[in-house]
All heavy atoms as atom14 arrays in JSON, in Angstrom:
{
  "sequence": "LEGNYSAKGLKVALVVSRFNHFITSKLEEGAIDVFLRHEGDESNLTIV",
  "atom14_mask": [
    [1, 1, 1, 1, 1, 1, 1, 1, 0, 0, 0, 0, 0, 0],
    [1, 1, 1, 1, 1, 1, 1, 1, 1, 0, 0, 0, 0, 0],
    [1, 1, 1, 1, 0, 0, 0, 0, 0, 0, 0, 0, 0, 0],
    [1, 1, 1, 1, 1, 1, 1, 1, 0, 0, 0, 0, 0, 0],
    [1, 1, 1, 1, 1, 1, 1, 1, 1, 1, 1, 1, 0, 0],
    [1, 1, 1, 1, 1, 1, 0, 0, 0, 0, 0, 0, 0, 0],
    [1, 1, 1, 1, 1, 0, 0, 0, 0, 0, 0, 0, 0, 0],
    [1, 1, 1, 1, 1, 1, 1, 1, 1, 0, 0, 0, 0, 0],
    [1, 1, 1, 1, 0, 0, 0, 0, 0, 0, 0, 0, 0, 0],
    [1, 1, 1, 1, 1, 1, 1, 1, 0, 0, 0, 0, 0, 0],
    [1, 1, 1, 1, 1, 1, 1, 1, 1, 0, 0, 0, 0, 0],
    [1, 1, 1, 1, 1, 1, 1, 0, 0, 0, 0, 0, 0, 0],
    [1, 1, 1, 1, 1, 0, 0, 0, 0, 0, 0, 0, 0, 0],
    [1, 1, 1, 1, 1, 1, 1, 1, 0, 0, 0, 0, 0, 0],
    [1, 1, 1, 1, 1, 1, 1, 0, 0, 0, 0, 0, 0, 0],
    [1, 1, 1, 1, 1, 1, 1, 0, 0, 0, 0, 0, 0, 0],
    [1, 1, 1, 1, 1, 1, 0, 0, 0, 0, 0, 0, 0, 0],
    [1, 1, 1, 1, 1, 1, 1, 1, 1, 1, 1, 0, 0, 0],
    [1, 1, 1, 1, 1, 1, 1, 1, 1, 1, 1, 0, 0, 0],
    [1, 1, 1, 1, 1, 1, 1, 1, 0, 0, 0, 0, 0, 0],
    [1, 1, 1, 1, 1, 1, 1, 1, 1, 1, 0, 0, 0, 0],
    [1, 1, 1, 1, 1, 1, 1, 1, 1, 1, 1, 0, 0, 0],
    [1, 1, 1, 1, 1, 1, 1, 1, 0, 0, 0, 0, 0, 0],
    [1, 1, 1, 1, 1, 1, 1, 0, 0, 0, 0, 0, 0, 0],
    [1, 1, 1, 1, 1, 1, 0, 0, 0, 0, 0, 0, 0, 0],
    [1, 1, 1, 1, 1, 1, 1, 1, 1, 0, 0, 0, 0, 0],
    [1, 1, 1, 1, 1, 1, 1, 1, 0, 0, 0, 0, 0, 0],
    [1, 1, 1, 1, 1, 1, 1, 1, 1, 0, 0, 0, 0, 0],
    [1, 1, 1, 1, 1, 1, 1, 1, 1, 0, 0, 0, 0, 0],
    [1, 1, 1, 1, 0, 0, 0, 0, 0, 0, 0, 0, 0, 0],
    [1, 1, 1, 1, 1, 0, 0, 0, 0, 0, 0, 0, 0, 0],
    [1, 1, 1, 1, 1, 1, 1, 1, 0, 0, 0, 0, 0, 0],
    [1, 1, 1, 1, 1, 1, 1, 1, 0, 0, 0, 0, 0, 0],
    [1, 1, 1, 1, 1, 1, 1, 0, 0, 0, 0, 0, 0, 0],
    [1, 1, 1, 1, 1, 1, 1, 1, 1, 1, 1, 0, 0, 0],
    [1, 1, 1, 1, 1, 1, 1, 1, 0, 0, 0, 0, 0, 0],
    [1, 1, 1, 1, 1, 1, 1, 1, 1, 1, 1, 0, 0, 0],
    [1, 1, 1, 1, 1, 1, 1, 1, 1, 1, 0, 0, 0, 0],
    [1, 1, 1, 1, 1, 1, 1, 1, 1, 0, 0, 0, 0, 0],
    [1, 1, 1, 1, 0, 0, 0, 0, 0, 0, 0, 0, 0, 0],
    [1, 1, 1, 1, 1, 1, 1, 1, 0, 0, 0, 0, 0, 0],
    [1, 1, 1, 1, 1, 1, 1, 1, 1, 0, 0, 0, 0, 0],
    [1, 1, 1, 1, 1, 1, 0, 0, 0, 0, 0, 0, 0, 0],
    [1, 1, 1, 1, 1, 1, 1, 1, 0, 0, 0, 0, 0, 0],
    [1, 1, 1, 1, 1, 1, 1, 1, 0, 0, 0, 0, 0, 0],
    [1, 1, 1, 1, 1, 1, 1, 0, 0, 0, 0, 0, 0, 0],
    [1, 1, 1, 1, 1, 1, 1, 1, 0, 0, 0, 0, 0, 0],
    [1, 1, 1, 1, 1, 1, 1, 0, 0, 0, 0, 0, 0, 0]
  ],
  "atom14_positions": [
    [[14.35, 45.65, 30.1], [14.53, 44.41, 30.79], [14.88, 43.35, 29.78], [14.23, 43.18, 28.76], [13.26, 44.03, 31.51], [12.8, 44.98, 32.6], [11.43, 44.56, 33.16], [13.84, 45.08, 33.72], [0.0, 0.0, 0.0], [0.0, 0.0, 0.0], [0.0, 0.0, 0.0], [0.0, 0.0, 0.0], [0.0, 0.0, 0.0], [0.0, 0.0, 0.0]],
    [[15.87, 42.58, 30.05], [16.26, 41.48, 29.22], [17.05, 40.46, 30.03], [17.45, 40.7, 31.11], [17.08, 41.92, 27.99], [18.36, 42.67, 28.34], [19.02, 43.26, 27.12], [18.59, 43.05, 25.98], [20.09, 43.92, 27.29], [0.0, 0.0, 0.0], [0.0, 0.0, 0.0], [0.0, 0.0, 0.0], [0.0, 0.0, 0.0], [0.0, 0.0, 0.0]],
    [[17.09, 39.23, 29.45], [17.78, 38.2, 30.13], [19.31, 38.23, 29.83], [19.78, 39.05, 29.07], [0.0, 0.0, 0.0], [0.0, 0.0, 0.0], [0.0, 0.0, 0.0], [0.0, 0.0, 0.0], [0.0, 0.0, 0.0], [0.0, 0.0, 0.0], [0.0, 0.0, 0.0], [0.0, 0.0, 0.0], [0.0, 0.0, 0.0], [0.0, 0.0, 0.0]],
    [[19.98, 37.27, 30.45], [21.39, 37.11, 30.14], [21.64, 35.6, 29.91], [20.75, 34.82, 29.98], [22.28, 37.68, 31.29], [21.99, 36.99, 32.59], [22.11, 35.76, 32.73], [21.67, 37.76, 33.65], [0.0, 0.0, 0.0], [0.0, 0.0, 0.0], [0.0, 0.0, 0.0], [0.0, 0.0, 0.0], [0.0, 0.0, 0.0], [0.0, 0.0, 0.0]],
    [[22.89, 35.29, 29.68], [23.2, 33.92, 29.32], [23.89, 33.13, 30.44], [24.63, 32.18, 30.16], [24.07, 33.9, 28.04], [23.3, 34.33, 26.84], [23.53, 35.57, 26.22], [22.3, 33.49, 26.26], [22.79, 35.98, 25.11], [21.58, 33.92, 25.19], [21.85, 35.16, 24.61], [21.12, 35.59, 23.53], [0.0, 0.0, 0.0], [0.0, 0.0, 0.0]],
    [[23.64, 33.51, 31.65], [24.25, 32.8, 32.78], [23.32, 31.65, 33.22], [22.19, 31.91, 33.62], [24.49, 33.72, 33.94], [24.94, 32.99, 35.04], [0.0, 0.0, 0.0], [0.0, 0.0, 0.0], [0.0, 0.0, 0.0], [0.0, 0.0, 0.0], [0.0, 0.0, 0.0], [0.0, 0.0, 0.0], [0.0, 0.0, 0.0], [0.0, 0.0, 0.0]],
    [[23.85, 30.48, 33.17], [23.04, 29.3, 33.63], [23.39, 28.94, 35.12], [22.91, 27.98, 35.64], [23.31, 28.1, 32.74], [0.0, 0.0, 0.0], [0.0, 0.0, 0.0], [0.0, 0.0, 0.0], [0.0, 0.0, 0.0], [0.0, 0.0, 0.0], [0.0, 0.0, 0.0], [0.0, 0.0, 0.0], [0.0, 0.0, 0.0], [0.0, 0.0, 0.0]],
    [[24.22, 29.76, 35.74], [24.62, 29.51, 37.08], [23.44, 29.45, 38.0], [22.64, 30.34, 38.08], [25.61, 30.64, 37.53], [26.3, 30.28, 38.86], [27.34, 31.3, 39.15], [28.2, 30.8, 40.28], [29.38, 31.56, 40.37], [0.0, 0.0, 0.0], [0.0, 0.0, 0.0], [0.0, 0.0, 0.0], [0.0, 0.0, 0.0], [0.0, 0.0, 0.0]],
    [[23.31, 28.32, 38.68], [22.24, 28.09, 39.66], [20.87, 27.66, 39.02], [19.97, 27.37, 39.71], [0.0, 0.0, 0.0], [0.0, 0.0, 0.0], [0.0, 0.0, 0.0], [0.0, 0.0, 0.0], [0.0, 0.0, 0.0], [0.0, 0.0, 0.0], [0.0, 0.0, 0.0], [0.0, 0.0, 0.0], [0.0, 0.0, 0.0], [0.0, 0.0, 0.0]],
    [[20.81, 27.68, 37.68], [19.53, 27.29, 37.04], [19.38, 25.77, 37.09], [20.32, 25.02, 36.87], [19.47, 27.78, 35.59], [19.6, 29.28, 35.4], [19.45, 29.59, 33.93], [18.54, 30.02, 36.23], [0.0, 0.0, 0.0], [0.0, 0.0, 0.0], [0.0, 0.0, 0.0], [0.0, 0.0, 0.0], [0.0, 0.0, 0.0], [0.0, 0.0, 0.0]],
    [[18.12, 25.34, 37.27], [17.75, 23.96, 37.17], [16.89, 23.75, 35.94], [15.8, 24.37, 35.8], [17.01, 23.48, 38.45], [17.87, 23.5, 39.65], [17.18, 22.95, 40.85], [18.19, 22.99, 42.0], [17.65, 22.33, 43.2], [0.0, 0.0, 0.0], [0.0, 0.0, 0.0], [0.0, 0.0, 0.0], [0.0, 0.0, 0.0], [0.0, 0.0, 0.0]],
    [[17.4, 22.91, 35.02], [16.77, 22.71, 33.69], [16.5, 21.28, 33.45], [17.34, 20.42, 33.74], [17.67, 23.31, 32.64], [17.16, 23.01, 31.23], [17.77, 24.87, 32.81], [0.0, 0.0, 0.0], [0.0, 0.0, 0.0], [0.0, 0.0, 0.0], [0.0, 0.0, 0.0], [0.0, 0.0, 0.0], [0.0, 0.0, 0.0], [0.0, 0.0, 0.0]],
    [[15.36, 21.02, 32.83], [15.04, 19.66, 32.4], [15.07, 19.63, 30.87], [14.55, 20.55, 30.23], [13.66, 19.22, 32.84], [0.0, 0.0, 0.0], [0.0, 0.0, 0.0], [0.0, 0.0, 0.0], [0.0, 0.0, 0.0], [0.0, 0.0, 0.0], [0.0, 0.0, 0.0], [0.0, 0.0, 0.0], [0.0, 0.0, 0.0], [0.0, 0.0, 0.0]],
    [[15.72, 18.64, 30.28], [15.65, 18.39, 28.86], [14.71, 17.27, 28.64], [14.89, 16.18, 29.2], [17.03, 17.94, 28.29], [18.22, 18.86, 28.46], [19.45, 18.24, 27.83], [17.93, 20.18, 27.78], [0.0, 0.0, 0.0], [0.0, 0.0, 0.0], [0.0, 0.0, 0.0], [0.0, 0.0, 0.0], [0.0, 0.0, 0.0], [0.0, 0.0, 0.0]],
    [[13.66, 17.47, 27.84], [12.69, 16.45, 27.5], [13.07, 16.11, 26.06], [12.88, 16.91, 25.16], [11.25, 16.93, 27.64], [10.33, 15.84, 27.13], [10.98, 17.27, 29.11], [0.0, 0.0, 0.0], [0.0, 0.0, 0.0], [0.0, 0.0, 0.0], [0.0, 0.0, 0.0], [0.0, 0.0, 0.0], [0.0, 0.0, 0.0], [0.0, 0.0, 0.0]],
    [[13.57, 14.88, 25.92], [14.19, 14.48, 24.59], [13.5, 13.24, 24.05], [13.38, 12.22, 24.71], [15.69, 14.19, 24.73], [16.33, 13.91, 23.4], [16.4, 15.32, 25.48], [0.0, 0.0, 0.0], [0.0, 0.0, 0.0], [0.0, 0.0, 0.0], [0.0, 0.0, 0.0], [0.0, 0.0, 0.0], [0.0, 0.0, 0.0], [0.0, 0.0, 0.0]],
    [[13.07, 13.33, 22.81], [12.47, 12.19, 22.13], [13.56, 11.21, 21.75], [14.6, 11.57, 21.18], [11.77, 12.69, 20.83], [11.39, 11.62, 20.04], [0.0, 0.0, 0.0], [0.0, 0.0, 0.0], [0.0, 0.0, 0.0], [0.0, 0.0, 0.0], [0.0, 0.0, 0.0], [0.0, 0.0, 0.0], [0.0, 0.0, 0.0], [0.0, 0.0, 0.0]],
    [[13.29, 9.93, 21.92], [14.18, 8.84, 21.43], [14.02, 8.56, 20.0], [14.93, 8.14, 19.35], [13.97, 7.58, 22.26], [14.52, 7.65, 23.64], [14.65, 6.26, 24.3], [13.5, 5.42, 24.01], [12.48, 5.2, 24.9], [12.47, 5.83, 26.03], [11.49, 4.4, 24.58], [0.0, 0.0, 0.0], [0.0, 0.0, 0.0], [0.0, 0.0, 0.0]],
    [[12.84, 8.83, 19.44], [12.6, 8.59, 18.01], [13.48, 9.53, 17.23], [13.66, 10.72, 17.55], [11.14, 8.82, 17.7], [10.73, 8.27, 16.34], [10.53, 6.89, 16.2], [10.61, 9.1, 15.27], [10.17, 6.34, 14.99], [10.21, 8.57, 14.03], [10.01, 7.19, 13.89], [0.0, 0.0, 0.0], [0.0, 0.0, 0.0], [0.0, 0.0, 0.0]],
    [[14.1, 9.02, 16.17], [15.12, 9.74, 15.39], [16.32, 10.09, 16.26], [16.89, 11.18, 16.21], [14.51, 11.03, 14.75], [13.6, 10.66, 13.61], [13.8, 9.79, 12.82], [12.49, 11.45, 13.53], [0.0, 0.0, 0.0], [0.0, 0.0, 0.0], [0.0, 0.0, 0.0], [0.0, 0.0, 0.0], [0.0, 0.0, 0.0], [0.0, 0.0, 0.0]],
    [[16.7, 9.11, 17.09], [17.78, 9.29, 18.02], [19.09, 9.8, 17.41], [19.82, 10.57, 18.04], [18.06, 7.98, 18.79], [19.16, 8.04, 19.75], [19.1, 8.71, 20.95], [20.47, 7.56, 19.68], [20.24, 8.59, 21.59], [21.1, 7.89, 20.86], [0.0, 0.0, 0.0], [0.0, 0.0, 0.0], [0.0, 0.0, 0.0], [0.0, 0.0, 0.0]],
    [[19.35, 9.38, 16.19], [20.61, 9.86, 15.59], [20.63, 11.35, 15.37], [21.65, 11.97, 15.29], [20.86, 9.14, 14.24], [19.81, 9.43, 13.18], [20.13, 10.31, 12.13], [18.56, 8.86, 13.17], [19.18, 10.62, 11.18], [17.62, 9.16, 12.25], [17.9, 10.03, 11.17], [0.0, 0.0, 0.0], [0.0, 0.0, 0.0], [0.0, 0.0, 0.0]],
    [[19.44, 12.01, 15.37], [19.34, 13.46, 15.29], [19.22, 14.04, 16.68], [19.89, 14.93, 17.06], [18.12, 13.88, 14.44], [18.24, 13.36, 13.01], [17.92, 15.37, 14.5], [19.39, 13.98, 12.19], [0.0, 0.0, 0.0], [0.0, 0.0, 0.0], [0.0, 0.0, 0.0], [0.0, 0.0, 0.0], [0.0, 0.0, 0.0], [0.0, 0.0, 0.0]],
    [[18.28, 13.5, 17.52], [18.01, 14.06, 18.79], [19.2, 13.98, 19.75], [19.36, 14.85, 20.62], [16.76, 13.44, 19.48], [16.98, 12.03, 19.68], [15.52, 13.68, 18.61], [0.0, 0.0, 0.0], [0.0, 0.0, 0.0], [0.0, 0.0, 0.0], [0.0, 0.0, 0.0], [0.0, 0.0, 0.0], [0.0, 0.0, 0.0], [0.0, 0.0, 0.0]],
    [[20.01, 12.96, 19.57], [21.21, 12.87, 20.41], [22.18, 14.04, 20.2], [22.82, 14.52, 21.09], [21.94, 11.52, 20.22], [22.42, 11.39, 18.91], [0.0, 0.0, 0.0], [0.0, 0.0, 0.0], [0.0, 0.0, 0.0], [0.0, 0.0, 0.0], [0.0, 0.0, 0.0], [0.0, 0.0, 0.0], [0.0, 0.0, 0.0], [0.0, 0.0, 0.0]],
    [[22.29, 14.47, 18.94], [23.08, 15.64, 18.58], [22.54, 16.93, 19.15], [23.26, 17.78, 19.59], [23.29, 15.71, 17.1], [23.96, 14.56, 16.46], [25.36, 14.34, 17.01], [26.03, 13.15, 16.37], [27.21, 12.72, 17.12], [0.0, 0.0, 0.0], [0.0, 0.0, 0.0], [0.0, 0.0, 0.0], [0.0, 0.0, 0.0], [0.0, 0.0, 0.0]],
    [[21.19, 17.06, 19.12], [20.55, 18.2, 19.66], [20.81, 18.24, 21.18], [21.1, 19.29, 21.77], [19.05, 18.2, 19.43], [18.6, 18.23, 17.92], [17.08, 18.03, 17.84], [19.0, 19.49, 17.27], [0.0, 0.0, 0.0], [0.0, 0.0, 0.0], [0.0, 0.0, 0.0], [0.0, 0.0, 0.0], [0.0, 0.0, 0.0], [0.0, 0.0, 0.0]],
    [[20.64, 17.09, 21.84], [20.94, 16.99, 23.28], [22.37, 17.35, 23.61], [22.61, 18.12, 24.54], [20.65, 15.54, 23.69], [20.84, 15.28, 25.17], [20.6, 13.79, 25.49], [19.51, 13.28, 25.17], [21.47, 13.23, 26.15], [0.0, 0.0, 0.0], [0.0, 0.0, 0.0], [0.0, 0.0, 0.0], [0.0, 0.0, 0.0], [0.0, 0.0, 0.0]],
    [[23.31, 16.86, 22.81], [24.73, 17.19, 23.05], [24.95, 18.67, 22.99], [25.66, 19.29, 23.8], [25.61, 16.46, 22.09], [25.77, 15.0, 22.3], [26.51, 14.27, 21.13], [27.15, 15.01, 20.31], [26.43, 13.08, 21.07], [0.0, 0.0, 0.0], [0.0, 0.0, 0.0], [0.0, 0.0, 0.0], [0.0, 0.0, 0.0], [0.0, 0.0, 0.0]],
    [[24.34, 19.31, 21.98], [24.51, 20.78, 21.81], [23.91, 21.54, 23.01], [24.49, 22.52, 23.47], [0.0, 0.0, 0.0], [0.0, 0.0, 0.0], [0.0, 0.0, 0.0], [0.0, 0.0, 0.0], [0.0, 0.0, 0.0], [0.0, 0.0, 0.0], [0.0, 0.0, 0.0], [0.0, 0.0, 0.0], [0.0, 0.0, 0.0], [0.0, 0.0, 0.0]],
    [[22.75, 21.1, 23.43], [22.1, 21.77, 24.54], [22.94, 21.64, 25.85], [23.1, 22.6, 26.59], [20.72, 21.19, 24.76], [0.0, 0.0, 0.0], [0.0, 0.0, 0.0], [0.0, 0.0, 0.0], [0.0, 0.0, 0.0], [0.0, 0.0, 0.0], [0.0, 0.0, 0.0], [0.0, 0.0, 0.0], [0.0, 0.0, 0.0], [0.0, 0.0, 0.0]],
    [[23.39, 20.47, 26.1], [24.2, 20.25, 27.31], [25.46, 21.07, 27.25], [25.9, 21.73, 28.24], [24.59, 18.74, 27.46], [23.32, 17.95, 27.78], [25.62, 18.53, 28.52], [23.48, 16.44, 27.71], [0.0, 0.0, 0.0], [0.0, 0.0, 0.0], [0.0, 0.0, 0.0], [0.0, 0.0, 0.0], [0.0, 0.0, 0.0], [0.0, 0.0, 0.0]],
    [[26.12, 21.14, 26.09], [27.36, 21.91, 25.89], [27.13, 23.38, 26.28], [27.88, 24.0, 27.01], [27.88, 21.78, 24.49], [29.16, 22.56, 24.22], [30.15, 22.26, 24.92], [29.13, 23.43, 23.36], [0.0, 0.0, 0.0], [0.0, 0.0, 0.0], [0.0, 0.0, 0.0], [0.0, 0.0, 0.0], [0.0, 0.0, 0.0], [0.0, 0.0, 0.0]],
    [[26.04, 23.95, 25.74], [25.75, 25.33, 26.02], [25.48, 25.59, 27.51], [25.98, 26.5, 28.1], [24.52, 25.83, 25.19], [23.97, 27.15, 25.66], [24.96, 25.97, 23.71], [0.0, 0.0, 0.0], [0.0, 0.0, 0.0], [0.0, 0.0, 0.0], [0.0, 0.0, 0.0], [0.0, 0.0, 0.0], [0.0, 0.0, 0.0], [0.0, 0.0, 0.0]],
    [[24.68, 24.69, 28.15], [24.36, 24.82, 29.56], [25.66, 24.82, 30.4], [25.8, 25.71, 31.25], [23.46, 23.67, 29.98], [22.99, 23.77, 31.42], [21.96, 24.6, 31.75], [23.55, 22.99, 32.41], [21.49, 24.71, 33.05], [23.09, 23.06, 33.7], [22.06, 23.95, 34.04], [0.0, 0.0, 0.0], [0.0, 0.0, 0.0], [0.0, 0.0, 0.0]],
    [[26.53, 23.91, 30.08], [27.77, 23.84, 30.86], [28.75, 25.03, 30.54], [29.4, 25.55, 31.41], [28.53, 22.5, 30.59], [27.72, 21.23, 31.01], [28.48, 20.0, 30.65], [27.4, 21.29, 32.52], [0.0, 0.0, 0.0], [0.0, 0.0, 0.0], [0.0, 0.0, 0.0], [0.0, 0.0, 0.0], [0.0, 0.0, 0.0], [0.0, 0.0, 0.0]],
    [[28.76, 25.46, 29.32], [29.65, 26.57, 28.97], [29.11, 27.93, 29.6], [29.93, 28.84, 29.75], [29.67, 26.8, 27.43], [30.54, 25.76, 26.73], [30.44, 26.0, 25.23], [31.13, 24.97, 24.51], [32.37, 25.03, 24.06], [33.07, 26.15, 24.24], [32.93, 24.04, 23.38], [0.0, 0.0, 0.0], [0.0, 0.0, 0.0], [0.0, 0.0, 0.0]],
    [[27.87, 27.96, 29.92], [27.37, 29.2, 30.55], [27.21, 29.02, 32.07], [26.28, 29.55, 32.69], [25.97, 29.51, 29.89], [26.13, 29.98, 28.53], [26.52, 31.25, 28.17], [25.91, 29.33, 27.34], [26.56, 31.39, 26.85], [26.21, 30.23, 26.32], [0.0, 0.0, 0.0], [0.0, 0.0, 0.0], [0.0, 0.0, 0.0], [0.0, 0.0, 0.0]],
    [[28.16, 28.24, 32.64], [28.28, 28.1, 34.08], [27.18, 27.28, 34.75], [27.01, 27.36, 35.93], [28.39, 29.44, 34.79], [29.53, 30.34, 34.32], [29.61, 31.66, 35.07], [29.08, 31.76, 36.17], [30.18, 32.57, 34.45], [0.0, 0.0, 0.0], [0.0, 0.0, 0.0], [0.0, 0.0, 0.0], [0.0, 0.0, 0.0], [0.0, 0.0, 0.0]],
    [[26.48, 26.47, 33.93], [25.49, 25.58, 34.54], [26.2, 24.39, 35.19], [27.23, 23.96, 34.74], [0.0, 0.0, 0.0], [0.0, 0.0, 0.0], [0.0, 0.0, 0.0], [0.0, 0.0, 0.0], [0.0, 0.0, 0.0], [0.0, 0.0, 0.0], [0.0, 0.0, 0.0], [0.0, 0.0, 0.0], [0.0, 0.0, 0.0], [0.0, 0.0, 0.0]],
    [[25.58, 23.93, 36.23], [26.13, 22.78, 36.98], [25.41, 21.52, 36.44], [24.17, 21.49, 36.43], [25.87, 22.98, 38.47], [26.48, 21.9, 39.35], [26.68, 20.76, 38.87], [26.73, 22.17, 40.52], [0.0, 0.0, 0.0], [0.0, 0.0, 0.0], [0.0, 0.0, 0.0], [0.0, 0.0, 0.0], [0.0, 0.0, 0.0], [0.0, 0.0, 0.0]],
    [[26.19, 20.54, 36.05], [25.58, 19.32, 35.47], [24.62, 18.63, 36.45], [23.67, 17.95, 36.03], [26.6, 18.35, 34.9], [27.51, 17.67, 35.94], [28.49, 16.73, 35.28], [28.8, 16.86, 34.11], [28.92, 15.8, 36.03], [0.0, 0.0, 0.0], [0.0, 0.0, 0.0], [0.0, 0.0, 0.0], [0.0, 0.0, 0.0], [0.0, 0.0, 0.0]],
    [[24.79, 18.8, 37.74], [23.85, 18.25, 38.7], [22.5, 18.98, 38.71], [21.53, 18.45, 39.27], [24.46, 18.27, 40.11], [24.6, 19.6, 40.6], [0.0, 0.0, 0.0], [0.0, 0.0, 0.0], [0.0, 0.0, 0.0], [0.0, 0.0, 0.0], [0.0, 0.0, 0.0], [0.0, 0.0, 0.0], [0.0, 0.0, 0.0], [0.0, 0.0, 0.0]],
    [[22.42, 20.09, 38.06], [21.18, 20.84, 37.9], [20.5, 20.58, 36.55], [19.54, 21.25, 36.21], [21.4, 22.36, 38.1], [21.65, 22.73, 39.52], [21.28, 22.0, 40.42], [22.3, 23.84, 39.7], [0.0, 0.0, 0.0], [0.0, 0.0, 0.0], [0.0, 0.0, 0.0], [0.0, 0.0, 0.0], [0.0, 0.0, 0.0], [0.0, 0.0, 0.0]],
    [[21.0, 19.6, 35.83], [20.45, 19.28, 34.53], [19.85, 17.88, 34.61], [20.54, 16.93, 35.03], [21.57, 19.34, 33.46], [21.19, 19.34, 32.02], [20.34, 20.58, 31.71], [22.47, 19.39, 31.15], [0.0, 0.0, 0.0], [0.0, 0.0, 0.0], [0.0, 0.0, 0.0], [0.0, 0.0, 0.0], [0.0, 0.0, 0.0], [0.0, 0.0, 0.0]],
    [[18.57, 17.75, 34.25], [17.92, 16.45, 34.22], [17.45, 16.11, 32.87], [16.84, 16.95, 32.18], [16.71, 16.45, 35.16], [17.19, 16.76, 36.51], [15.98, 15.13, 35.17], [0.0, 0.0, 0.0], [0.0, 0.0, 0.0], [0.0, 0.0, 0.0], [0.0, 0.0, 0.0], [0.0, 0.0, 0.0], [0.0, 0.0, 0.0], [0.0, 0.0, 0.0]],
    [[17.7, 14.9, 32.38], [17.27, 14.46, 31.01], [16.11, 13.5, 31.2], [16.22, 12.51, 31.94], [18.42, 13.86, 30.24], [19.53, 14.88, 30.02], [17.87, 13.3, 28.9], [20.78, 14.34, 29.42], [0.0, 0.0, 0.0], [0.0, 0.0, 0.0], [0.0, 0.0, 0.0], [0.0, 0.0, 0.0], [0.0, 0.0, 0.0], [0.0, 0.0, 0.0]],
    [[14.99, 13.8, 30.57], [13.8, 12.95, 30.56], [13.53, 12.5, 29.13], [13.36, 13.32, 28.28], [12.6, 13.75, 31.1], [11.36, 12.82, 31.18], [12.88, 14.37, 32.44], [0.0, 0.0, 0.0], [0.0, 0.0, 0.0], [0.0, 0.0, 0.0], [0.0, 0.0, 0.0], [0.0, 0.0, 0.0], [0.0, 0.0, 0.0], [0.0, 0.0, 0.0]]
  ]
}
């Protein structure tokens, strides 16, 4: 049993620290890019 890399239909929350924003903003961008590249729907992504 193993997972796959399809984000299709998944609902994901990103909890992102504002402190060190010049770093965390790049981490956030990378995470969003992967989610969308793996068929994730941006309406299923929430940033907190």
